[in-house]
Amino acid sequence: MILQHHERMDGSGYPQGLKGEEILLGARIIAVADVIEAMSTHRPYRFVVGIDAALREIQENSGNLYDKLVVEACLALFTTKRFAFS
């Protein structure tokens, strides 16, 4: 799963250029979680982009880069269930 978490649903990811169902479900989940975490926390090489931008990113690229069902579940956690990082 870790090896595949930079793969994208449309095949544009790396390291193997896998697409769709070729990517393990766990890797598709990690991919979305990684985007949310990376964009919503400070990095030494850039400032925080923010959770709203991260949620927009996965929503805008749902079905293309990120698994549609995983994105829907993630959005539900942040909107309906009111999940938030502490």
C-alpha atoms as a PDB file:
ATOM      1  CA  MET A   1       0.000   0.000   0.000  1.00  0.00           C
ATOM      2  CA  ILE A   2       2.795   2.407   0.856  1.00  0.00           C
ATOM      3  CA  LEU A   3       4.513   1.696  -2.461  1.00  0.00           C
ATOM      4  CA  GLN A   4       1.314   2.482  -4.364  1.00  0.00           C
ATOM      5  CA  HIS A   5       0.005   5.530  -2.501  1.00  0.00           C
ATOM      6  CA  HIS A   6       1.359   7.944  -5.131  1.00  0.00           C
ATOM      7  CA  GLU A   7      -0.386   6.079  -7.936  1.00  0.00           C
ATOM      8  CA  ARG A   8      -3.404   7.911  -9.380  1.00  0.00           C
ATOM      9  CA  MET A   9      -6.706   6.591 -10.685  1.00  0.00           C
ATOM     10  CA  ASP A  10      -6.005   7.879 -14.205  1.00  0.00           C
ATOM     11  CA  GLY A  11      -2.562   6.219 -14.339  1.00  0.00           C
ATOM     12  CA  SER A  12      -0.613   9.481 -13.986  1.00  0.00           C
ATOM     13  CA  GLY A  13       1.002   8.541 -10.662  1.00  0.00           C
ATOM     14  CA  TYR A  14       4.207   6.750  -9.791  1.00  0.00           C
ATOM     15  CA  PRO A  15       6.213   4.532  -9.406  1.00  0.00           C
ATOM     16  CA  GLN A  16       4.443   2.011 -11.667  1.00  0.00           C
ATOM     17  CA  GLY A  17       1.781   4.074 -13.437  1.00  0.00           C
ATOM     18  CA  LEU A  18      -1.000   1.847 -12.108  1.00  0.00           C
ATOM     19  CA  LYS A  19      -4.575   2.957 -12.672  1.00  0.00           C
ATOM     20  CA  GLY A  20      -8.020   2.312 -11.251  1.00  0.00           C
ATOM     21  CA  GLU A  21      -8.564  -1.075  -9.669  1.00  0.00           C
ATOM     22  CA  GLU A  22      -4.904  -1.999 -10.228  1.00  0.00           C
ATOM     23  CA  ILE A  23      -4.205   0.175  -7.177  1.00  0.00           C
ATOM     24  CA  LEU A  24      -4.861  -1.507  -3.840  1.00  0.00           C
ATOM     25  CA  LEU A  25      -7.837  -0.058  -1.964  1.00  0.00           C
ATOM     26  CA  GLY A  26      -5.627   0.636   1.051  1.00  0.00           C
ATOM     27  CA  ALA A  27      -3.265   2.630  -1.166  1.00  0.00           C
ATOM     28  CA  ARG A  28      -6.193   4.660  -2.548  1.00  0.00           C
ATOM     29  CA  ILE A  29      -7.254   5.464   1.012  1.00  0.00           C
ATOM     30  CA  ILE A  30      -3.710   6.418   2.024  1.00  0.00           C
ATOM     31  CA  ALA A  31      -3.402   8.603  -1.097  1.00  0.00           C
ATOM     32  CA  VAL A  32      -6.386  10.739  -0.090  1.00  0.00           C
ATOM     33  CA  ALA A  33      -5.328  10.874   3.567  1.00  0.00           C
ATOM     34  CA  ASP A  34      -1.804  11.867   2.509  1.00  0.00           C
ATOM     35  CA  VAL A  35      -3.069  14.774   0.408  1.00  0.00           C
ATOM     36  CA  ILE A  36      -5.272  16.030   3.256  1.00  0.00           C
ATOM     37  CA  GLU A  37      -2.478  15.735   5.818  1.00  0.00           C
ATOM     38  CA  ALA A  38       0.211  17.225   3.568  1.00  0.00           C
ATOM     39  CA  MET A  39      -1.842  20.252   2.546  1.00  0.00           C
ATOM     40  CA  SER A  40      -3.232  20.992   5.996  1.00  0.00           C
ATOM     41  CA  THR A  41       0.035  20.931   7.955  1.00  0.00           C
ATOM     42  CA  HIS A  42       3.159  23.063   7.847  1.00  0.00           C
ATOM     43  CA  ARG A  43       6.130  21.823   5.850  1.00  0.00           C
ATOM     44  CA  PRO A  44       9.662  23.226   6.113  1.00  0.00           C
ATOM     45  CA  TYR A  45       9.555  24.054   2.388  1.00  0.00           C
ATOM     46  CA  ARG A  46       6.122  25.791   2.356  1.00  0.00           C
ATOM     47  CA  PHE A  47       3.427  27.277   4.541  1.00  0.00           C
ATOM     48  CA  VAL A  48       0.158  25.542   5.362  1.00  0.00           C
ATOM     49  CA  VAL A  49      -2.271  25.587   2.457  1.00  0.00           C
ATOM     50  CA  GLY A  50      -5.167  24.630   4.725  1.00  0.00           C
ATOM     51  CA  ILE A  51      -7.861  22.033   5.170  1.00  0.00           C
ATOM     52  CA  ASP A  52     -10.363  23.835   2.929  1.00  0.00           C
ATOM     53  CA  ALA A  53      -7.901  23.830   0.025  1.00  0.00           C
ATOM     54  CA  ALA A  54      -7.099  20.175   0.688  1.00  0.00           C
ATOM     55  CA  LEU A  55     -10.767  19.206   0.627  1.00  0.00           C
ATOM     56  CA  ARG A  56     -11.259  21.209  -2.581  1.00  0.00           C
ATOM     57  CA  GLU A  57      -8.260  19.406  -4.140  1.00  0.00           C
ATOM     58  CA  ILE A  58      -9.635  15.933  -3.522  1.00  0.00           C
ATOM     59  CA  GLN A  59     -13.171  16.953  -4.517  1.00  0.00           C
ATOM     60  CA  GLU A  60     -12.067  18.577  -7.786  1.00  0.00           C
ATOM     61  CA  ASN A  61      -9.955  15.535  -8.710  1.00  0.00           C
ATOM     62  CA  SER A  62     -12.364  12.858  -7.495  1.00  0.00           C
ATOM     63  CA  GLY A  63     -12.539  10.051 -10.028  1.00  0.00           C
ATOM     64  CA  ASN A  64      -9.527  11.328 -11.971  1.00  0.00           C
ATOM     65  CA  LEU A  65      -6.654  11.318  -9.496  1.00  0.00           C
ATOM     66  CA  TYR A  66      -8.382   9.985  -6.388  1.00  0.00           C
ATOM     67  CA  ASP A  67     -10.859   7.158  -5.876  1.00  0.00           C
ATOM     68  CA  LYS A  68     -14.371   8.611  -5.954  1.00  0.00           C
ATOM     69  CA  LEU A  69     -15.720   6.489  -3.072  1.00  0.00           C
ATOM     70  CA  VAL A  70     -12.691   7.231  -0.901  1.00  0.00           C
ATOM     71  CA  VAL A  71     -13.111  10.952  -1.552  1.00  0.00           C
ATOM     72  CA  GLU A  72     -16.819  10.761  -0.682  1.00  0.00           C
ATOM     73  CA  ALA A  73     -16.003   8.991   2.606  1.00  0.00           C
ATOM     74  CA  CYS A  74     -13.307  11.536   3.454  1.00  0.00           C
ATOM     75  CA  LEU A  75     -15.562  14.504   2.703  1.00  0.00           C
ATOM     76  CA  ALA A  76     -18.305  12.961   4.847  1.00  0.00           C
ATOM     77  CA  LEU A  77     -15.887  12.668   7.758  1.00  0.00           C
ATOM     78  CA  PHE A  78     -15.010  16.357   7.589  1.00  0.00           C
ATOM     79  CA  THR A  79     -18.506  17.680   6.839  1.00  0.00           C
ATOM     80  CA  THR A  80     -21.173  15.359   8.246  1.00  0.00           C
ATOM     81  CA  LYS A  81     -19.142  13.842  11.076  1.00  0.00           C
ATOM     82  CA  ARG A  82     -17.291  17.108  11.769  1.00  0.00           C
ATOM     83  CA  PHE A  83     -13.871  15.431  11.988  1.00  0.00           C
ATOM     84  CA  ALA A  84     -11.035  17.878  12.659  1.00  0.00           C
ATOM     85  CA  PHE A  85      -7.341  17.586  13.381  1.00  0.00           C
ATOM     86  CA  SER A  86      -6.520  18.537  16.958  1.00  0.00           C
END
